[in-house]
Amino acid sequence: MLSTSGQKVTEKKYESAAAADTAGFYRLVETVVRQNDKRDCSSAVLDGPGEQHTRFIQFSPQDD
């Protein structure tokens, strides 16, 4: 994914589990590949290359 916020440009990759865990959640890992060290729209300088965030998502059983 390529994103921009203010002057910041960030390239990230996402990896997701192929199957849900026993509670029905899928693991989603976001990794910063590269960024330009500029400030985002909230004037913050965030995550550098290699920084990872892990989230767990669950889809609605009704597919809505």
PDB file of N, CA and C in Angstrom:
ATOM      1  N   MET A   1       0.846  -1.156   0.000  1.00  0.00           N
ATOM      2  CA  MET A   1       0.000   0.000   0.000  1.00  0.00           C
ATOM      3  C   MET A   1       0.898   1.226   0.000  1.00  0.00           C
ATOM      4  N   LEU A   2       0.526   2.203  -0.751  1.00  0.00           N
ATOM      5  CA  LEU A   2       1.203   3.486  -0.768  1.00  0.00           C
ATOM      6  C   LEU A   2       0.221   4.510  -0.231  1.00  0.00           C
ATOM      7  N   SER A   3       0.639   5.263   0.798  1.00  0.00           N
ATOM      8  CA  SER A   3      -0.271   6.253   1.372  1.00  0.00           C
ATOM      9  C   SER A   3       0.435   7.590   1.536  1.00  0.00           C
ATOM     10  N   THR A   4      -0.365   8.646   1.543  1.00  0.00           N
ATOM     11  CA  THR A   4       0.143   9.981   1.803  1.00  0.00           C
ATOM     12  C   THR A   4      -0.707  10.616   2.885  1.00  0.00           C
ATOM     13  N   SER A   5      -0.051  11.395   3.736  1.00  0.00           N
ATOM     14  CA  SER A   5      -0.728  12.139   4.791  1.00  0.00           C
ATOM     15  C   SER A   5       0.121  13.373   5.042  1.00  0.00           C
ATOM     16  N   GLY A   6      -0.401  14.547   4.749  1.00  0.00           N
ATOM     17  CA  GLY A   6       0.424  15.747   4.819  1.00  0.00           C
ATOM     18  C   GLY A   6       1.559  15.602   3.822  1.00  0.00           C
ATOM     19  N   GLN A   7       2.806  15.779   4.270  1.00  0.00           N
ATOM     20  CA  GLN A   7       3.974  15.608   3.401  1.00  0.00           C
ATOM     21  C   GLN A   7       4.533  14.187   3.457  1.00  0.00           C
ATOM     22  N   LYS A   8       4.012  13.383   4.353  1.00  0.00           N
ATOM     23  CA  LYS A   8       4.529  12.025   4.548  1.00  0.00           C
ATOM     24  C   LYS A   8       4.022  11.082   3.456  1.00  0.00           C
ATOM     25  N   VAL A   9       4.936  10.313   2.915  1.00  0.00           N
ATOM     26  CA  VAL A   9       4.609   9.261   1.955  1.00  0.00           C
ATOM     27  C   VAL A   9       5.148   7.960   2.540  1.00  0.00           C
ATOM     28  N   THR A  10       4.286   6.966   2.653  1.00  0.00           N
ATOM     29  CA  THR A  10       4.667   5.702   3.279  1.00  0.00           C
ATOM     30  C   THR A  10       4.277   4.536   2.382  1.00  0.00           C
ATOM     31  N   GLU A  11       5.171   3.563   2.274  1.00  0.00           N
ATOM     32  CA  GLU A  11       4.869   2.307   1.583  1.00  0.00           C
ATOM     33  C   GLU A  11       4.833   1.218   2.641  1.00  0.00           C
ATOM     34  N   LYS A  12       3.735   0.469   2.663  1.00  0.00           N
ATOM     35  CA  LYS A  12       3.560  -0.607   3.639  1.00  0.00           C
ATOM     36  C   LYS A  12       3.160  -1.883   2.915  1.00  0.00           C
ATOM     37  N   LYS A  13       3.438  -3.005   3.579  1.00  0.00           N
ATOM     38  CA  LYS A  13       2.930  -4.279   3.063  1.00  0.00           C
ATOM     39  C   LYS A  13       2.057  -4.898   4.142  1.00  0.00           C
ATOM     40  N   TYR A  14       1.094  -5.659   3.717  1.00  0.00           N
ATOM     41  CA  TYR A  14       0.162  -6.329   4.620  1.00  0.00           C
ATOM     42  C   TYR A  14       0.210  -7.819   4.365  1.00  0.00           C
ATOM     43  N   GLU A  15       0.197  -8.575   5.457  1.00  0.00           N
ATOM     44  CA  GLU A  15       0.120 -10.033   5.366  1.00  0.00           C
ATOM     45  C   GLU A  15      -1.020 -10.480   6.267  1.00  0.00           C
ATOM     46  N   SER A  16      -1.862 -11.343   5.726  1.00  0.00           N
ATOM     47  CA  SER A  16      -2.976 -11.837   6.536  1.00  0.00           C
ATOM     48  C   SER A  16      -2.949 -13.352   6.595  1.00  0.00           C
ATOM     49  N   ALA A  17      -3.487 -13.866   7.682  1.00  0.00           N
ATOM     50  CA  ALA A  17      -3.585 -15.313   7.852  1.00  0.00           C
ATOM     51  C   ALA A  17      -4.578 -15.871   6.840  1.00  0.00           C
ATOM     52  N   ALA A  18      -4.308 -17.063   6.362  1.00  0.00           N
ATOM     53  CA  ALA A  18      -5.205 -17.704   5.398  1.00  0.00           C
ATOM     54  C   ALA A  18      -6.474 -18.227   6.059  1.00  0.00           C
ATOM     55  N   ALA A  19      -6.399 -18.477   7.360  1.00  0.00           N
ATOM     56  CA  ALA A  19      -7.544 -19.016   8.089  1.00  0.00           C
ATOM     57  C   ALA A  19      -7.667 -18.300   9.429  1.00  0.00           C
ATOM     58  N   ALA A  20      -8.874 -18.282   9.951  1.00  0.00           N
ATOM     59  CA  ALA A  20      -9.130 -17.661  11.250  1.00  0.00           C
ATOM     60  C   ALA A  20      -8.613 -18.553  12.377  1.00  0.00           C
ATOM     61  N   ASP A  21      -8.325 -17.917  13.523  1.00  0.00           N
ATOM     62  CA  ASP A  21      -7.952 -18.704  14.698  1.00  0.00           C
ATOM     63  C   ASP A  21      -9.214 -19.312  15.318  1.00  0.00           C
ATOM     64  N   THR A  22      -9.078 -19.985  16.429  1.00  0.00           N
ATOM     65  CA  THR A  22     -10.223 -20.680  17.029  1.00  0.00           C
ATOM     66  C   THR A  22     -11.317 -19.737  17.505  1.00  0.00           C
ATOM     67  N   ALA A  23     -10.989 -18.461  17.708  1.00  0.00           N
ATOM     68  CA  ALA A  23     -11.988 -17.465  18.121  1.00  0.00           C
ATOM     69  C   ALA A  23     -12.610 -16.756  16.918  1.00  0.00           C
ATOM     70  N   GLY A  24     -12.171 -17.096  15.703  1.00  0.00           N
ATOM     71  CA  GLY A  24     -12.734 -16.499  14.500  1.00  0.00           C
ATOM     72  C   GLY A  24     -12.017 -15.245  14.012  1.00  0.00           C
ATOM     73  N   PHE A  25     -10.837 -14.961  14.557  1.00  0.00           N
ATOM     74  CA  PHE A  25     -10.086 -13.766  14.173  1.00  0.00           C
ATOM     75  C   PHE A  25      -8.972 -14.108  13.186  1.00  0.00           C
ATOM     76  N   TYR A  26      -8.755 -13.206  12.235  1.00  0.00           N
ATOM     77  CA  TYR A  26      -7.655 -13.317  11.283  1.00  0.00           C
ATOM     78  C   TYR A  26      -6.553 -12.362  11.721  1.00  0.00           C
ATOM     79  N   ARG A  27      -5.336 -12.824  11.721  1.00  0.00           N
ATOM     80  CA  ARG A  27      -4.192 -11.977  12.073  1.00  0.00           C
ATOM     81  C   ARG A  27      -3.792 -11.176  10.838  1.00  0.00           C
ATOM     82  N   LEU A  28      -3.614  -9.873  10.994  1.00  0.00           N
ATOM     83  CA  LEU A  28      -3.197  -8.974   9.916  1.00  0.00           C
ATOM     84  C   LEU A  28      -1.964  -8.212  10.391  1.00  0.00           C
ATOM     85  N   VAL A  29      -0.837  -8.378   9.675  1.00  0.00           N
ATOM     86  CA  VAL A  29       0.412  -7.729  10.052  1.00  0.00           C
ATOM     87  C   VAL A  29       0.736  -6.658   9.006  1.00  0.00           C
ATOM     88  N   GLU A  30       0.917  -5.424   9.490  1.00  0.00           N
ATOM     89  CA  GLU A  30       1.273  -4.285   8.642  1.00  0.00           C
ATOM     90  C   GLU A  30       2.744  -3.968   8.896  1.00  0.00           C
ATOM     91  N   THR A  31       3.556  -3.906   7.839  1.00  0.00           N
ATOM     92  CA  THR A  31       4.981  -3.615   7.969  1.00  0.00           C
ATOM     93  C   THR A  31       5.329  -2.407   7.114  1.00  0.00           C
ATOM     94  N   VAL A  32       6.012  -1.420   7.710  1.00  0.00           N
ATOM     95  CA  VAL A  32       6.472  -0.256   6.958  1.00  0.00           C
ATOM     96  C   VAL A  32       7.680  -0.676   6.126  1.00  0.00           C
ATOM     97  N   VAL A  33       7.583  -0.508   4.811  1.00  0.00           N
ATOM     98  CA  VAL A  33       8.676  -0.856   3.905  1.00  0.00           C
ATOM     99  C   VAL A  33       9.620   0.338   3.748  1.00  0.00           C
ATOM    100  N   ARG A  34       9.030   1.508   3.507  1.00  0.00           N
ATOM    101  CA  ARG A  34       9.828   2.736   3.401  1.00  0.00           C
ATOM    102  C   ARG A  34       8.929   3.937   3.618  1.00  0.00           C
ATOM    103  N   GLN A  35       9.549   5.036   4.036  1.00  0.00           N
ATOM    104  CA  GLN A  35       8.823   6.288   4.197  1.00  0.00           C
ATOM    105  C   GLN A  35       9.827   7.430   4.113  1.00  0.00           C
ATOM    106  N   ASN A  36       9.316   8.640   3.915  1.00  0.00           N
ATOM    107  CA  ASN A  36      10.204   9.762   3.617  1.00  0.00           C
ATOM    108  C   ASN A  36      10.577  10.644   4.818  1.00  0.00           C
ATOM    109  N   ASP A  37      10.263  10.243   6.042  1.00  0.00           N
ATOM    110  CA  ASP A  37      10.623  10.996   7.255  1.00  0.00           C
ATOM    111  C   ASP A  37      10.054  12.406   7.310  1.00  0.00           C
ATOM    112  N   LYS A  38       8.973  12.661   6.593  1.00  0.00           N
ATOM    113  CA  LYS A  38       8.296  13.962   6.651  1.00  0.00           C
ATOM    114  C   LYS A  38       7.156  13.879   7.660  1.00  0.00           C
ATOM    115  N   ARG A  39       6.563  15.006   7.978  1.00  0.00           N
ATOM    116  CA  ARG A  39       5.457  15.062   8.928  1.00  0.00           C
ATOM    117  C   ARG A  39       4.132  14.720   8.245  1.00  0.00           C
ATOM    118  N   ASP A  40       3.296  13.985   8.993  1.00  0.00           N
ATOM    119  CA  ASP A  40       1.975  13.641   8.464  1.00  0.00           C
ATOM    120  C   ASP A  40       1.005  14.797   8.726  1.00  0.00           C
ATOM    121  N   CYS A  41      -0.272  14.595   8.448  1.00  0.00           N
ATOM    122  CA  CYS A  41      -1.254  15.671   8.563  1.00  0.00           C
ATOM    123  C   CYS A  41      -1.492  16.119  10.006  1.00  0.00           C
ATOM    124  N   SER A  42      -1.035  15.343  10.988  1.00  0.00           N
ATOM    125  CA  SER A  42      -1.148  15.772  12.390  1.00  0.00           C
ATOM    126  C   SER A  42       0.196  16.276  12.925  1.00  0.00           C
ATOM    127  N   SER A  43       1.132  16.549  12.018  1.00  0.00           N
ATOM    128  CA  SER A  43       2.473  17.057  12.331  1.00  0.00           C
ATOM    129  C   SER A  43       3.364  16.052  13.052  1.00  0.00           C
ATOM    130  N   ALA A  44       3.019  14.787  13.014  1.00  0.00           N
ATOM    131  CA  ALA A  44       3.824  13.752  13.667  1.00  0.00           C
ATOM    132  C   ALA A  44       4.755  13.089  12.654  1.00  0.00           C
ATOM    133  N   VAL A  45       5.902  12.638  13.140  1.00  0.00           N
ATOM    134  CA  VAL A  45       6.804  11.793  12.352  1.00  0.00           C
ATOM    135  C   VAL A  45       6.709  10.420  12.989  1.00  0.00           C
ATOM    136  N   LEU A  46       6.193   9.469  12.247  1.00  0.00           N
ATOM    137  CA  LEU A  46       5.900   8.150  12.800  1.00  0.00           C
ATOM    138  C   LEU A  46       6.770   7.066  12.187  1.00  0.00           C
ATOM    139  N   ASP A  47       6.538   5.863  12.629  1.00  0.00           N
ATOM    140  CA  ASP A  47       7.134   4.604  12.183  1.00  0.00           C
ATOM    141  C   ASP A  47       8.138   4.666  11.042  1.00  0.00           C
ATOM    142  N   GLY A  48       9.269   4.049  11.282  1.00  0.00           N
ATOM    143  CA  GLY A  48      10.287   3.928  10.254  1.00  0.00           C
ATOM    144  C   GLY A  48      10.243   2.552   9.619  1.00  0.00           C
ATOM    145  N   PRO A  49      11.046   2.322   8.603  1.00  0.00           N
ATOM    146  CA  PRO A  49      11.084   1.026   7.937  1.00  0.00           C
ATOM    147  C   PRO A  49      11.302  -0.112   8.929  1.00  0.00           C
ATOM    148  N   GLY A  50      10.574  -1.185   8.713  1.00  0.00           N
ATOM    149  CA  GLY A  50      10.657  -2.354   9.571  1.00  0.00           C
ATOM    150  C   GLY A  50       9.657  -2.337  10.718  1.00  0.00           C
ATOM    151  N   GLU A  51       9.084  -1.178  11.019  1.00  0.00           N
ATOM    152  CA  GLU A  51       8.091  -1.076  12.096  1.00  0.00           C
ATOM    153  C   GLU A  51       6.877  -1.936  11.739  1.00  0.00           C
ATOM    154  N   GLN A  52       6.382  -2.692  12.706  1.00  0.00           N
ATOM    155  CA  GLN A  52       5.240  -3.578  12.457  1.00  0.00           C
ATOM    156  C   GLN A  52       4.108  -3.304  13.440  1.00  0.00           C
ATOM    157  N   HIS A  53       2.899  -3.498  12.931  1.00  0.00           N
ATOM    158  CA  HIS A  53       1.698  -3.431  13.761  1.00  0.00           C
ATOM    159  C   HIS A  53       0.878  -4.679  13.460  1.00  0.00           C
ATOM    160  N   THR A  54       0.404  -5.339  14.486  1.00  0.00           N
ATOM    161  CA  THR A  54      -0.419  -6.536  14.307  1.00  0.00           C
ATOM    162  C   THR A  54      -1.820  -6.232  14.776  1.00  0.00           C
ATOM    163  N   ARG A  55      -2.774  -6.590  13.946  1.00  0.00           N
ATOM    164  CA  ARG A  55      -4.187  -6.415  14.270  1.00  0.00           C
ATOM    165  C   ARG A  55      -4.892  -7.744  14.063  1.00  0.00           C
ATOM    166  N   PHE A  56      -6.005  -7.891  14.723  1.00  0.00           N
ATOM    167  CA  PHE A  56      -6.824  -9.081  14.544  1.00  0.00           C
ATOM    168  C   PHE A  56      -8.198  -8.619  14.093  1.00  0.00           C
ATOM    169  N   ILE A  57      -8.666  -9.169  12.988  1.00  0.00           N
ATOM    170  CA  ILE A  57      -9.956  -8.757  12.439  1.00  0.00           C
ATOM    171  C   ILE A  57     -10.907  -9.948  12.403  1.00  0.00           C
ATOM    172  N   GLN A  58     -12.171  -9.647  12.492  1.00  0.00           N
ATOM    173  CA  GLN A  58     -13.194 -10.690  12.450  1.00  0.00           C
ATOM    174  C   GLN A  58     -14.284 -10.230  11.492  1.00  0.00           C
ATOM    175  N   PHE A  59     -14.664 -11.107  10.594  1.00  0.00           N
ATOM    176  CA  PHE A  59     -15.700 -10.792   9.620  1.00  0.00           C
ATOM    177  C   PHE A  59     -17.069 -11.172  10.176  1.00  0.00           C
ATOM    178  N   SER A  60     -18.064 -10.431   9.764  1.00  0.00           N
ATOM    179  CA  SER A  60     -19.429 -10.695  10.208  1.00  0.00           C
ATOM    180  C   SER A  60     -19.919 -12.042   9.661  1.00  0.00           C
ATOM    181  N   PRO A  61     -20.525 -12.864  10.491  1.00  0.00           N
ATOM    182  CA  PRO A  61     -21.060 -14.126   9.998  1.00  0.00           C
ATOM    183  C   PRO A  61     -22.183 -13.921   8.965  1.00  0.00           C
ATOM    184  N   GLN A  62     -22.799 -12.744   8.980  1.00  0.00           N
ATOM    185  CA  GLN A  62     -23.856 -12.429   8.004  1.00  0.00           C
ATOM    186  C   GLN A  62     -23.297 -11.866   6.699  1.00  0.00           C
ATOM    187  N   ASP A  63     -21.990 -11.769   6.586  1.00  0.00           N
ATOM    188  CA  ASP A  63     -21.316 -11.222   5.395  1.00  0.00           C
ATOM    189  C   ASP A  63     -21.790  -9.819   5.051  1.00  0.00           C
ATOM    190  N   ASP A  64     -22.071  -9.027   6.087  1.00  0.00           N
ATOM    191  CA  ASP A  64     -22.499  -7.644   5.839  1.00  0.00           C
ATOM    192  C   ASP A  64     -21.453  -6.651   6.292  1.00  0.00           C
TER     193      ASP A  64
END
